[in-house]
Amino acid sequence: MRTSHLLEPLRKLAADGFPIWGTCAGMILLAKRLDETGMPALEAMDIAVRRNAFGRQVDSFEADLQVPILGDPPFPAIFIRAPVIEDVGPGVEVLARLPEGTPVAASQGHLLATAFHPELTSDHRFHQFFLQRIAQQT
């Protein structure tokens, strides 16, 4: 993003209220607080994120998540070298957690972040939620 000169324009879009959904690495980019990786971030969403929280590629997994805003059935989440949300600030709504309580999806106004990849499933409820959220804000 730095070499392509995209960091500042994307930060401005986020600051101006442009709807952004960050999945996996995109969640890392949205975070205001990161582990000590030195990665550039948009610093838009009031969350703290830890990269590769579950380990390497071979540690990728799937989990059925209870997501109250989506209703039943559980959402089939695919985690690939996924990050986790370690802390949320005021105004951030945690949308989904792993069974032991780790937050893996959150929203804050026009921003949505998921540690998993909804686009790799045939379940479109997260996509519908994001589009409905955008429609409500326009």
C-alpha atoms as a PDB file:
ATOM      1  CA  MET A   1       0.000   0.000   0.000  1.00  0.00           C
ATOM      2  CA  ARG A   2       2.864   2.352   0.665  1.00  0.00           C
ATOM      3  CA  THR A   3       4.642   1.743  -2.628  1.00  0.00           C
ATOM      4  CA  SER A   4       1.351   2.011  -4.543  1.00  0.00           C
ATOM      5  CA  HIS A   5       0.455   5.200  -2.654  1.00  0.00           C
ATOM      6  CA  LEU A   6      -2.857   3.707  -1.493  1.00  0.00           C
ATOM      7  CA  LEU A   7      -2.456   3.993   2.275  1.00  0.00           C
ATOM      8  CA  GLU A   8      -3.467   7.642   2.664  1.00  0.00           C
ATOM      9  CA  PRO A   9      -6.362   7.568   0.146  1.00  0.00           C
ATOM     10  CA  LEU A  10      -7.775   4.476   1.882  1.00  0.00           C
ATOM     11  CA  ARG A  11      -7.363   6.110   5.301  1.00  0.00           C
ATOM     12  CA  LYS A  12      -9.255   9.135   4.012  1.00  0.00           C
ATOM     13  CA  LEU A  13     -12.077   6.971   2.641  1.00  0.00           C
ATOM     14  CA  ALA A  14     -12.401   5.223   6.008  1.00  0.00           C
ATOM     15  CA  ALA A  15     -12.326   8.527   7.895  1.00  0.00           C
ATOM     16  CA  ASP A  16     -14.957   9.975   5.537  1.00  0.00           C
ATOM     17  CA  GLY A  17     -17.403   7.128   6.268  1.00  0.00           C
ATOM     18  CA  PHE A  18     -16.921   4.995   3.158  1.00  0.00           C
ATOM     19  CA  PRO A  19     -18.181   1.446   3.903  1.00  0.00           C
ATOM     20  CA  ILE A  20     -15.276  -0.984   4.228  1.00  0.00           C
ATOM     21  CA  TRP A  21     -15.318  -4.694   5.024  1.00  0.00           C
ATOM     22  CA  GLY A  22     -11.988  -6.225   5.953  1.00  0.00           C
ATOM     23  CA  THR A  23     -11.710 -10.013   5.878  1.00  0.00           C
ATOM     24  CA  CYS A  24      -8.677 -11.721   7.424  1.00  0.00           C
ATOM     25  CA  ALA A  25      -5.760  -9.508   6.351  1.00  0.00           C
ATOM     26  CA  GLY A  26      -8.312  -6.770   5.708  1.00  0.00           C
ATOM     27  CA  MET A  27      -9.274  -6.920   9.380  1.00  0.00           C
ATOM     28  CA  ILE A  28      -5.616  -6.363  10.238  1.00  0.00           C
ATOM     29  CA  LEU A  29      -5.538  -3.329   7.944  1.00  0.00           C
ATOM     30  CA  LEU A  30      -8.615  -1.797   9.582  1.00  0.00           C
ATOM     31  CA  ALA A  31      -7.241  -2.092  13.141  1.00  0.00           C
ATOM     32  CA  LYS A  32      -6.090   0.906  15.149  1.00  0.00           C
ATOM     33  CA  ARG A  33      -3.835  -1.334  17.245  1.00  0.00           C
ATOM     34  CA  LEU A  34      -1.663  -4.161  15.902  1.00  0.00           C
ATOM     35  CA  ASP A  35       0.883  -6.555  17.298  1.00  0.00           C
ATOM     36  CA  GLU A  36       4.494  -5.490  16.640  1.00  0.00           C
ATOM     37  CA  THR A  37       4.568  -6.354  12.940  1.00  0.00           C
ATOM     38  CA  GLY A  38       5.329  -2.972  11.447  1.00  0.00           C
ATOM     39  CA  MET A  39       2.559  -3.451   8.867  1.00  0.00           C
ATOM     40  CA  PRO A  40       0.919  -0.272   7.609  1.00  0.00           C
ATOM     41  CA  ALA A  41      -2.692  -0.018   8.715  1.00  0.00           C
ATOM     42  CA  LEU A  42      -5.659   2.215   8.035  1.00  0.00           C
ATOM     43  CA  GLU A  43      -6.099   2.723  11.785  1.00  0.00           C
ATOM     44  CA  ALA A  44      -9.847   3.085  11.229  1.00  0.00           C
ATOM     45  CA  MET A  45     -11.531   0.578  13.550  1.00  0.00           C
ATOM     46  CA  ASP A  46     -11.074   0.680  17.312  1.00  0.00           C
ATOM     47  CA  ILE A  47      -9.824  -2.894  17.664  1.00  0.00           C
ATOM     48  CA  ALA A  48      -6.529  -4.512  18.620  1.00  0.00           C
ATOM     49  CA  VAL A  49      -5.554  -7.404  16.335  1.00  0.00           C
ATOM     50  CA  ARG A  50      -2.967 -10.167  16.502  1.00  0.00           C
ATOM     51  CA  ARG A  51      -1.834 -11.650  13.185  1.00  0.00           C
ATOM     52  CA  ASN A  52      -1.643 -15.404  12.505  1.00  0.00           C
ATOM     53  CA  ALA A  53      -3.185 -16.035  15.920  1.00  0.00           C
ATOM     54  CA  PHE A  54      -3.788 -19.733  15.286  1.00  0.00           C
ATOM     55  CA  GLY A  55      -0.460 -20.567  13.707  1.00  0.00           C
ATOM     56  CA  ARG A  56       0.685 -21.445  10.226  1.00  0.00           C
ATOM     57  CA  GLN A  57      -1.234 -22.402   7.081  1.00  0.00           C
ATOM     58  CA  VAL A  58      -1.515 -26.034   8.236  1.00  0.00           C
ATOM     59  CA  ASP A  59      -3.348 -24.783  11.344  1.00  0.00           C
ATOM     60  CA  SER A  60      -6.196 -23.319   9.267  1.00  0.00           C
ATOM     61  CA  PHE A  61      -9.634 -24.601  10.260  1.00  0.00           C
ATOM     62  CA  GLU A  62     -13.388 -24.306   9.909  1.00  0.00           C
ATOM     63  CA  ALA A  63     -15.863 -23.568  12.701  1.00  0.00           C
ATOM     64  CA  ASP A  64     -19.599 -23.110  12.964  1.00  0.00           C
ATOM     65  CA  LEU A  65     -20.176 -19.735  14.625  1.00  0.00           C
ATOM     66  CA  GLN A  66     -23.208 -18.458  16.447  1.00  0.00           C
ATOM     67  CA  VAL A  67     -23.811 -15.006  14.964  1.00  0.00           C
ATOM     68  CA  PRO A  68     -26.900 -13.482  16.610  1.00  0.00           C
ATOM     69  CA  ILE A  69     -27.328 -10.763  13.959  1.00  0.00           C
ATOM     70  CA  LEU A  70     -27.541 -13.492  11.299  1.00  0.00           C
ATOM     71  CA  GLY A  71     -29.821 -15.848  13.218  1.00  0.00           C
ATOM     72  CA  ASP A  72     -29.828 -19.598  12.698  1.00  0.00           C
ATOM     73  CA  PRO A  73     -28.218 -21.764  11.463  1.00  0.00           C
ATOM     74  CA  PRO A  74     -24.639 -21.213  12.684  1.00  0.00           C
ATOM     75  CA  PHE A  75     -22.334 -19.536  10.171  1.00  0.00           C
ATOM     76  CA  PRO A  76     -19.714 -21.823   8.533  1.00  0.00           C
ATOM     77  CA  ALA A  77     -16.509 -19.809   9.059  1.00  0.00           C
ATOM     78  CA  ILE A  78     -13.251 -20.660   7.277  1.00  0.00           C
ATOM     79  CA  PHE A  79     -10.094 -19.464   9.075  1.00  0.00           C
ATOM     80  CA  ILE A  80      -6.869 -19.364   7.024  1.00  0.00           C
ATOM     81  CA  ARG A  81      -3.827 -18.122   8.988  1.00  0.00           C
ATOM     82  CA  ALA A  82      -6.395 -15.967  10.692  1.00  0.00           C
ATOM     83  CA  PRO A  83      -5.955 -13.025  13.030  1.00  0.00           C
ATOM     84  CA  VAL A  84      -7.996 -12.500  16.188  1.00  0.00           C
ATOM     85  CA  ILE A  85      -9.412  -9.452  17.874  1.00  0.00           C
ATOM     86  CA  GLU A  86      -7.657  -9.042  21.209  1.00  0.00           C
ATOM     87  CA  ASP A  87      -9.458  -5.913  22.373  1.00  0.00           C
ATOM     88  CA  VAL A  88     -12.350  -3.707  21.290  1.00  0.00           C
ATOM     89  CA  GLY A  89     -12.905  -0.051  22.038  1.00  0.00           C
ATOM     90  CA  PRO A  90     -16.148   1.736  22.820  1.00  0.00           C
ATOM     91  CA  GLY A  91     -18.515   1.800  19.883  1.00  0.00           C
ATOM     92  CA  VAL A  92     -17.310  -1.539  18.498  1.00  0.00           C
ATOM     93  CA  GLU A  93     -19.886  -4.314  18.396  1.00  0.00           C
ATOM     94  CA  VAL A  94     -18.559  -7.873  18.562  1.00  0.00           C
ATOM     95  CA  LEU A  95     -20.668  -9.887  16.125  1.00  0.00           C
ATOM     96  CA  ALA A  96     -19.190 -13.367  16.542  1.00  0.00           C
ATOM     97  CA  ARG A  97     -16.909 -15.279  18.870  1.00  0.00           C
ATOM     98  CA  LEU A  98     -15.264 -18.671  18.799  1.00  0.00           C
ATOM     99  CA  PRO A  99     -16.753 -21.112  21.332  1.00  0.00           C
ATOM    100  CA  GLU A 100     -14.082 -20.207  23.942  1.00  0.00           C
ATOM    101  CA  GLY A 101     -14.978 -16.514  23.602  1.00  0.00           C
ATOM    102  CA  THR A 102     -12.353 -15.077  21.232  1.00  0.00           C
ATOM    103  CA  PRO A 103     -13.905 -12.291  19.079  1.00  0.00           C
ATOM    104  CA  VAL A 104     -13.621 -13.004  15.348  1.00  0.00           C
ATOM    105  CA  ALA A 105     -16.098 -10.541  13.801  1.00  0.00           C
ATOM    106  CA  ALA A 106     -16.959  -6.954  14.691  1.00  0.00           C
ATOM    107  CA  SER A 107     -18.536  -3.820  13.326  1.00  0.00           C
ATOM    108  CA  GLN A 108     -18.170  -0.127  14.025  1.00  0.00           C
ATOM    109  CA  GLY A 109     -20.437   2.179  12.075  1.00  0.00           C
ATOM    110  CA  HIS A 110     -19.544   1.789   8.399  1.00  0.00           C
ATOM    111  CA  LEU A 111     -16.774  -0.736   9.104  1.00  0.00           C
ATOM    112  CA  LEU A 112     -17.034  -4.523   9.253  1.00  0.00           C
ATOM    113  CA  ALA A 113     -14.190  -6.890  10.113  1.00  0.00           C
ATOM    114  CA  THR A 114     -14.107 -10.687   9.979  1.00  0.00           C
ATOM    115  CA  ALA A 115     -11.133 -12.889  10.848  1.00  0.00           C
ATOM    116  CA  PHE A 116     -12.533 -15.587   8.576  1.00  0.00           C
ATOM    117  CA  HIS A 117     -13.457 -15.778   4.876  1.00  0.00           C
ATOM    118  CA  PRO A 118     -17.235 -15.596   4.255  1.00  0.00           C
ATOM    119  CA  GLU A 119     -16.578 -15.380   0.518  1.00  0.00           C
ATOM    120  CA  LEU A 120     -15.342 -18.988   0.541  1.00  0.00           C
ATOM    121  CA  THR A 121     -18.711 -20.365   1.647  1.00  0.00           C
ATOM    122  CA  SER A 122     -22.087 -20.587  -0.048  1.00  0.00           C
ATOM    123  CA  ASP A 123     -23.645 -18.760   2.914  1.00  0.00           C
ATOM    124  CA  HIS A 124     -24.295 -15.147   1.878  1.00  0.00           C
ATOM    125  CA  ARG A 125     -25.686 -13.818   5.159  1.00  0.00           C
ATOM    126  CA  PHE A 126     -22.606 -11.753   6.058  1.00  0.00           C
ATOM    127  CA  HIS A 127     -22.642 -10.202   2.588  1.00  0.00           C
ATOM    128  CA  GLN A 128     -26.350  -9.411   2.987  1.00  0.00           C
ATOM    129  CA  PHE A 129     -25.699  -7.901   6.428  1.00  0.00           C
ATOM    130  CA  PHE A 130     -22.973  -5.644   5.019  1.00  0.00           C
ATOM    131  CA  LEU A 131     -25.150  -4.489   2.114  1.00  0.00           C
ATOM    132  CA  GLN A 132     -28.080  -3.813   4.447  1.00  0.00           C
ATOM    133  CA  ARG A 133     -25.804  -1.822   6.755  1.00  0.00           C
ATOM    134  CA  ILE A 134     -24.645   0.293   3.782  1.00  0.00           C
ATOM    135  CA  ALA A 135     -28.239   0.845   2.647  1.00  0.00           C
ATOM    136  CA  GLN A 136     -29.241   2.036   6.129  1.00  0.00           C
ATOM    137  CA  GLN A 137     -26.409   4.572   6.217  1.00  0.00           C
ATOM    138  CA  THR A 138     -27.154   6.174   2.853  1.00  0.00           C
END
